[in-house]
């Protein structure tokens, strides 16, 4: 996004008008994902296949996002991910405490 323009649409009417005027929401989301991930032209073409307005075939982007949304919804799947993350964090902190040494930890990692 550095050096790019960002447009925020905070009105439902404007958002509907913007998507009806041209690109579908999936296409816009796909273009943003490709740009953010710095995908190659070939990878972007694969990601955007069948999401352009008027397309009716299956899409890697749409199917992938549907699965992601489903897994992230409240329920057992997200609870299991949270338990796994909490266990990994607890184990890492326990190992750090046991080491009794001062050291730097890469929190991004």
N, C-alpha and C. Protein backbone atom coordinates (compact mmCIF):
# COMPACT_ATOMS: atom_id res chain seq x y z
N UNK A 1 0.81 -1.19 0.00
CA UNK A 1 0.00 0.00 0.00
C UNK A 1 0.86 1.26 0.00
N UNK A 2 2.14 1.11 0.33
CA UNK A 2 3.01 2.29 0.35
C UNK A 2 3.03 2.92 -1.04
N UNK A 3 2.79 4.21 -1.07
CA UNK A 3 2.80 4.92 -2.34
C UNK A 3 1.51 4.80 -3.14
N UNK A 4 0.58 3.98 -2.67
CA UNK A 4 -0.68 3.80 -3.38
C UNK A 4 -1.78 4.65 -2.78
N UNK A 5 -2.89 4.70 -3.45
CA UNK A 5 -4.04 5.45 -2.94
C UNK A 5 -4.99 4.50 -2.23
N UNK A 6 -5.60 5.00 -1.19
CA UNK A 6 -6.58 4.23 -0.44
C UNK A 6 -7.89 5.01 -0.46
N UNK A 7 -8.96 4.35 -0.84
CA UNK A 7 -10.27 4.96 -0.83
C UNK A 7 -11.12 4.21 0.18
N UNK A 8 -11.73 4.95 1.10
CA UNK A 8 -12.59 4.35 2.10
C UNK A 8 -14.02 4.73 1.78
N UNK A 9 -14.85 3.70 1.64
CA UNK A 9 -16.27 3.93 1.39
C UNK A 9 -16.99 3.50 2.66
N UNK A 10 -17.57 4.47 3.37
CA UNK A 10 -18.20 4.16 4.64
C UNK A 10 -19.72 4.32 4.61
N UNK A 11 -20.26 4.25 3.43
CA UNK A 11 -21.70 4.34 3.27
C UNK A 11 -22.17 3.15 2.43
N UNK A 12 -23.19 2.46 2.90
CA UNK A 12 -23.70 1.31 2.18
C UNK A 12 -24.16 1.71 0.78
N UNK A 13 -24.83 2.81 0.65
CA UNK A 13 -25.32 3.26 -0.65
C UNK A 13 -24.15 3.50 -1.59
N UNK A 14 -23.10 4.17 -1.09
CA UNK A 14 -21.93 4.43 -1.94
C UNK A 14 -21.20 3.14 -2.29
N UNK A 15 -21.12 2.22 -1.34
CA UNK A 15 -20.44 0.94 -1.59
C UNK A 15 -21.19 0.16 -2.66
N UNK A 16 -22.51 0.12 -2.58
CA UNK A 16 -23.31 -0.58 -3.59
C UNK A 16 -23.16 0.08 -4.95
N UNK A 17 -23.13 1.41 -4.96
CA UNK A 17 -22.96 2.13 -6.22
C UNK A 17 -21.58 1.86 -6.81
N UNK A 18 -20.56 1.83 -5.97
CA UNK A 18 -19.19 1.61 -6.45
C UNK A 18 -19.04 0.23 -7.07
N UNK A 19 -19.62 -0.78 -6.43
CA UNK A 19 -19.49 -2.14 -6.98
C UNK A 19 -20.39 -2.33 -8.18
N UNK A 20 -21.54 -1.69 -8.21
CA UNK A 20 -22.45 -1.83 -9.35
C UNK A 20 -21.89 -1.11 -10.57
N UNK A 21 -21.08 -0.10 -10.35
CA UNK A 21 -20.56 0.70 -11.46
C UNK A 21 -19.47 -0.01 -12.24
N UNK A 22 -18.91 -1.04 -11.69
CA UNK A 22 -17.81 -1.66 -12.43
C UNK A 22 -17.49 -3.04 -11.90
N UNK A 23 -16.43 -3.12 -11.17
CA UNK A 23 -15.90 -4.40 -10.71
C UNK A 23 -16.74 -4.99 -9.59
N UNK A 24 -16.71 -6.33 -9.53
CA UNK A 24 -17.39 -7.01 -8.43
C UNK A 24 -16.54 -6.88 -7.18
N UNK A 25 -17.16 -7.10 -6.03
CA UNK A 25 -16.41 -7.04 -4.77
C UNK A 25 -15.29 -8.06 -4.74
N UNK A 26 -15.56 -9.27 -5.24
CA UNK A 26 -14.53 -10.31 -5.23
C UNK A 26 -13.33 -9.89 -6.07
N UNK A 27 -13.60 -9.24 -7.21
CA UNK A 27 -12.52 -8.80 -8.08
C UNK A 27 -11.68 -7.74 -7.38
N UNK A 28 -12.34 -6.80 -6.72
CA UNK A 28 -11.63 -5.75 -5.99
C UNK A 28 -10.81 -6.37 -4.86
N UNK A 29 -11.39 -7.30 -4.11
CA UNK A 29 -10.67 -7.95 -3.03
C UNK A 29 -9.49 -8.76 -3.56
N UNK A 30 -9.69 -9.42 -4.69
CA UNK A 30 -8.61 -10.19 -5.31
C UNK A 30 -7.47 -9.31 -5.77
N UNK A 31 -7.79 -8.18 -6.40
CA UNK A 31 -6.75 -7.24 -6.84
C UNK A 31 -5.97 -6.71 -5.64
N UNK A 32 -6.69 -6.38 -4.57
CA UNK A 32 -6.03 -5.88 -3.36
C UNK A 32 -5.13 -6.95 -2.76
N UNK A 33 -5.61 -8.19 -2.70
CA UNK A 33 -4.81 -9.29 -2.15
C UNK A 33 -3.55 -9.50 -2.98
N UNK A 34 -3.69 -9.48 -4.30
CA UNK A 34 -2.55 -9.66 -5.19
C UNK A 34 -1.53 -8.54 -5.00
N UNK A 35 -2.02 -7.32 -4.88
CA UNK A 35 -1.13 -6.18 -4.69
C UNK A 35 -0.43 -6.26 -3.33
N UNK A 36 -1.20 -6.55 -2.30
CA UNK A 36 -0.64 -6.62 -0.96
C UNK A 36 0.38 -7.74 -0.84
N UNK A 37 0.11 -8.87 -1.49
CA UNK A 37 1.02 -10.01 -1.44
C UNK A 37 2.12 -9.95 -2.48
N UNK A 38 2.14 -8.89 -3.27
CA UNK A 38 3.13 -8.72 -4.34
C UNK A 38 3.21 -9.96 -5.22
N UNK A 39 2.03 -10.46 -5.63
CA UNK A 39 1.97 -11.65 -6.48
C UNK A 39 2.47 -11.33 -7.89
N UNK A 40 3.02 -12.34 -8.53
CA UNK A 40 3.45 -12.19 -9.92
C UNK A 40 2.21 -12.04 -10.80
N UNK A 41 2.43 -11.65 -12.04
CA UNK A 41 1.33 -11.51 -12.99
C UNK A 41 0.61 -12.84 -13.18
N UNK A 42 1.37 -13.92 -13.31
CA UNK A 42 0.76 -15.25 -13.49
C UNK A 42 -0.07 -15.65 -12.27
N UNK A 43 0.48 -15.43 -11.07
CA UNK A 43 -0.25 -15.77 -9.85
C UNK A 43 -1.51 -14.92 -9.70
N UNK A 44 -1.41 -13.65 -10.07
CA UNK A 44 -2.57 -12.76 -10.01
C UNK A 44 -3.65 -13.23 -10.97
N UNK A 45 -3.25 -13.63 -12.17
CA UNK A 45 -4.23 -14.14 -13.14
C UNK A 45 -4.96 -15.37 -12.61
N UNK A 46 -4.22 -16.27 -11.95
CA UNK A 46 -4.83 -17.47 -11.38
C UNK A 46 -5.79 -17.08 -10.26
N UNK A 47 -5.36 -16.15 -9.40
CA UNK A 47 -6.20 -15.72 -8.28
C UNK A 47 -7.49 -15.06 -8.77
N UNK A 48 -7.39 -14.28 -9.84
CA UNK A 48 -8.54 -13.52 -10.33
C UNK A 48 -9.40 -14.27 -11.34
N UNK A 49 -9.00 -15.50 -11.66
CA UNK A 49 -9.78 -16.27 -12.63
C UNK A 49 -11.21 -16.46 -12.13
N UNK A 50 -12.15 -16.13 -12.96
CA UNK A 50 -13.59 -16.29 -12.69
C UNK A 50 -14.12 -15.39 -11.58
N UNK A 51 -13.47 -14.27 -11.30
CA UNK A 51 -14.06 -13.32 -10.34
C UNK A 51 -14.39 -12.00 -11.01
N UNK A 52 -14.04 -11.86 -12.27
CA UNK A 52 -14.37 -10.63 -12.98
C UNK A 52 -15.88 -10.57 -13.19
N UNK A 53 -16.43 -9.38 -13.27
CA UNK A 53 -17.89 -9.26 -13.45
C UNK A 53 -18.36 -10.10 -14.64
N UNK A 54 -19.43 -10.83 -14.45
CA UNK A 54 -20.01 -11.66 -15.49
C UNK A 54 -19.47 -13.08 -15.50
N UNK A 55 -18.43 -13.36 -14.72
CA UNK A 55 -17.88 -14.72 -14.66
C UNK A 55 -18.79 -15.60 -13.83
N UNK A 56 -18.91 -16.86 -14.24
CA UNK A 56 -19.78 -17.75 -13.48
C UNK A 56 -19.10 -19.07 -13.12
N UNK A 57 -17.81 -19.21 -13.43
CA UNK A 57 -17.09 -20.44 -13.08
C UNK A 57 -16.62 -20.41 -11.65
N UNK A 58 -16.04 -21.53 -11.21
CA UNK A 58 -15.54 -21.59 -9.84
C UNK A 58 -14.26 -20.77 -9.74
N UNK A 59 -13.98 -20.27 -8.56
CA UNK A 59 -12.85 -19.37 -8.34
C UNK A 59 -12.05 -19.78 -7.12
N UNK A 60 -10.73 -19.84 -7.29
CA UNK A 60 -9.83 -20.14 -6.17
C UNK A 60 -10.01 -19.11 -5.06
N UNK A 61 -10.09 -17.84 -5.44
CA UNK A 61 -10.23 -16.76 -4.45
C UNK A 61 -11.52 -16.90 -3.66
N UNK A 62 -12.64 -17.03 -4.35
CA UNK A 62 -13.94 -17.08 -3.68
C UNK A 62 -14.04 -18.32 -2.79
N UNK A 63 -13.66 -19.47 -3.32
CA UNK A 63 -13.75 -20.70 -2.53
C UNK A 63 -12.82 -20.64 -1.32
N UNK A 64 -11.61 -20.11 -1.52
CA UNK A 64 -10.66 -19.99 -0.40
C UNK A 64 -11.17 -19.06 0.68
N UNK A 65 -11.75 -17.93 0.28
CA UNK A 65 -12.27 -16.99 1.27
C UNK A 65 -13.49 -17.53 1.99
N UNK A 66 -14.32 -18.28 1.28
CA UNK A 66 -15.49 -18.89 1.93
C UNK A 66 -15.04 -19.87 3.02
N UNK A 67 -14.03 -20.67 2.71
CA UNK A 67 -13.51 -21.64 3.70
C UNK A 67 -12.89 -20.88 4.88
N UNK A 68 -12.12 -19.83 4.59
CA UNK A 68 -11.50 -19.04 5.66
C UNK A 68 -12.56 -18.44 6.56
N UNK A 69 -13.60 -17.86 5.98
CA UNK A 69 -14.68 -17.26 6.77
C UNK A 69 -15.38 -18.31 7.62
N UNK A 70 -15.61 -19.48 7.04
CA UNK A 70 -16.29 -20.56 7.76
C UNK A 70 -15.47 -21.02 8.96
N UNK A 71 -14.18 -21.19 8.76
CA UNK A 71 -13.31 -21.67 9.85
C UNK A 71 -13.16 -20.62 10.94
N UNK A 72 -13.20 -19.34 10.57
CA UNK A 72 -12.99 -18.28 11.54
C UNK A 72 -14.26 -17.88 12.30
N UNK A 73 -15.39 -18.49 11.93
CA UNK A 73 -16.64 -18.19 12.63
C UNK A 73 -16.62 -18.81 14.03
N UNK A 74 -17.37 -18.24 14.96
CA UNK A 74 -17.43 -18.85 16.30
C UNK A 74 -17.83 -20.31 16.21
N UNK A 75 -17.15 -21.13 16.99
CA UNK A 75 -17.45 -22.56 16.98
C UNK A 75 -16.22 -23.36 17.33
N UNK A 76 -16.28 -24.66 17.15
CA UNK A 76 -15.21 -25.55 17.57
C UNK A 76 -13.91 -25.32 16.80
N UNK A 77 -13.99 -25.00 15.51
CA UNK A 77 -12.77 -24.80 14.71
C UNK A 77 -11.92 -23.65 15.26
N UNK A 78 -12.55 -22.51 15.52
CA UNK A 78 -11.80 -21.35 16.03
C UNK A 78 -11.35 -21.61 17.47
N UNK A 79 -12.17 -22.34 18.23
CA UNK A 79 -11.77 -22.68 19.60
C UNK A 79 -10.52 -23.54 19.59
N UNK A 80 -10.46 -24.50 18.68
CA UNK A 80 -9.29 -25.38 18.56
C UNK A 80 -8.05 -24.58 18.16
N UNK A 81 -8.20 -23.65 17.22
CA UNK A 81 -7.06 -22.81 16.82
C UNK A 81 -6.58 -21.98 18.00
N UNK A 82 -7.51 -21.42 18.77
CA UNK A 82 -7.14 -20.62 19.94
C UNK A 82 -6.44 -21.48 21.00
N UNK A 83 -6.94 -22.71 21.22
CA UNK A 83 -6.29 -23.61 22.19
C UNK A 83 -4.86 -23.94 21.75
N UNK A 84 -4.70 -24.22 20.47
CA UNK A 84 -3.37 -24.55 19.94
C UNK A 84 -2.42 -23.37 20.10
N UNK A 85 -2.88 -22.17 19.77
CA UNK A 85 -2.05 -20.97 19.91
C UNK A 85 -1.71 -20.71 21.37
N UNK A 86 -2.67 -20.87 22.26
CA UNK A 86 -2.43 -20.64 23.69
C UNK A 86 -1.42 -21.65 24.23
N UNK A 87 -1.54 -22.92 23.81
CA UNK A 87 -0.62 -23.95 24.25
C UNK A 87 0.80 -23.65 23.76
N UNK A 88 0.93 -23.26 22.50
CA UNK A 88 2.25 -22.95 21.93
C UNK A 88 2.87 -21.76 22.66
N UNK A 89 2.07 -20.75 22.96
CA UNK A 89 2.57 -19.57 23.66
C UNK A 89 2.99 -19.93 25.08
N UNK A 90 2.18 -20.71 25.78
CA UNK A 90 2.50 -21.13 27.14
C UNK A 90 3.79 -21.94 27.16
N UNK A 91 3.94 -22.87 26.22
CA UNK A 91 5.16 -23.68 26.16
C UNK A 91 6.39 -22.82 25.92
N UNK A 92 6.28 -21.87 25.01
CA UNK A 92 7.41 -20.98 24.72
C UNK A 92 7.78 -20.14 25.93
N UNK A 93 6.77 -19.62 26.64
CA UNK A 93 7.04 -18.80 27.82
C UNK A 93 7.63 -19.64 28.95
N UNK A 94 7.15 -20.88 29.10
CA UNK A 94 7.71 -21.77 30.11
C UNK A 94 9.19 -22.07 29.83
N UNK A 95 9.51 -22.34 28.57
CA UNK A 95 10.91 -22.60 28.21
C UNK A 95 11.77 -21.38 28.47
N UNK A 96 11.23 -20.21 28.18
CA UNK A 96 11.97 -18.97 28.41
C UNK A 96 12.23 -18.78 29.90
N UNK A 97 11.21 -19.03 30.73
CA UNK A 97 11.36 -18.86 32.17
C UNK A 97 12.38 -19.85 32.73
N UNK A 98 12.37 -21.09 32.23
CA UNK A 98 13.29 -22.11 32.70
C UNK A 98 14.73 -21.82 32.31
N UNK A 99 14.95 -21.08 31.24
CA UNK A 99 16.32 -20.84 30.77
C UNK A 99 17.11 -19.95 31.72
N UNK A 100 16.43 -19.10 32.49
CA UNK A 100 17.06 -18.20 33.46
C UNK A 100 18.12 -17.30 32.83
N UNK A 101 18.08 -17.15 31.54
CA UNK A 101 19.03 -16.28 30.85
C UNK A 101 18.26 -15.12 30.23
N UNK A 102 18.92 -13.98 30.18
CA UNK A 102 18.33 -12.85 29.50
C UNK A 102 18.70 -12.94 28.04
N UNK A 103 17.72 -12.91 27.19
CA UNK A 103 17.97 -12.95 25.76
C UNK A 103 16.85 -12.22 25.03
N UNK A 104 17.15 -11.86 23.81
CA UNK A 104 16.15 -11.19 22.99
C UNK A 104 15.26 -12.22 22.31
N UNK A 105 13.98 -11.89 22.20
CA UNK A 105 13.04 -12.77 21.53
C UNK A 105 12.43 -11.99 20.38
N UNK A 106 12.40 -12.59 19.21
CA UNK A 106 11.78 -11.99 18.05
C UNK A 106 10.27 -12.20 18.15
N UNK A 107 9.56 -11.20 18.64
CA UNK A 107 8.11 -11.34 18.85
C UNK A 107 7.37 -11.44 17.50
N UNK A 108 7.95 -10.92 16.43
CA UNK A 108 7.31 -11.06 15.12
C UNK A 108 7.30 -12.52 14.69
N UNK A 109 8.36 -13.26 15.03
CA UNK A 109 8.43 -14.66 14.64
C UNK A 109 7.37 -15.46 15.38
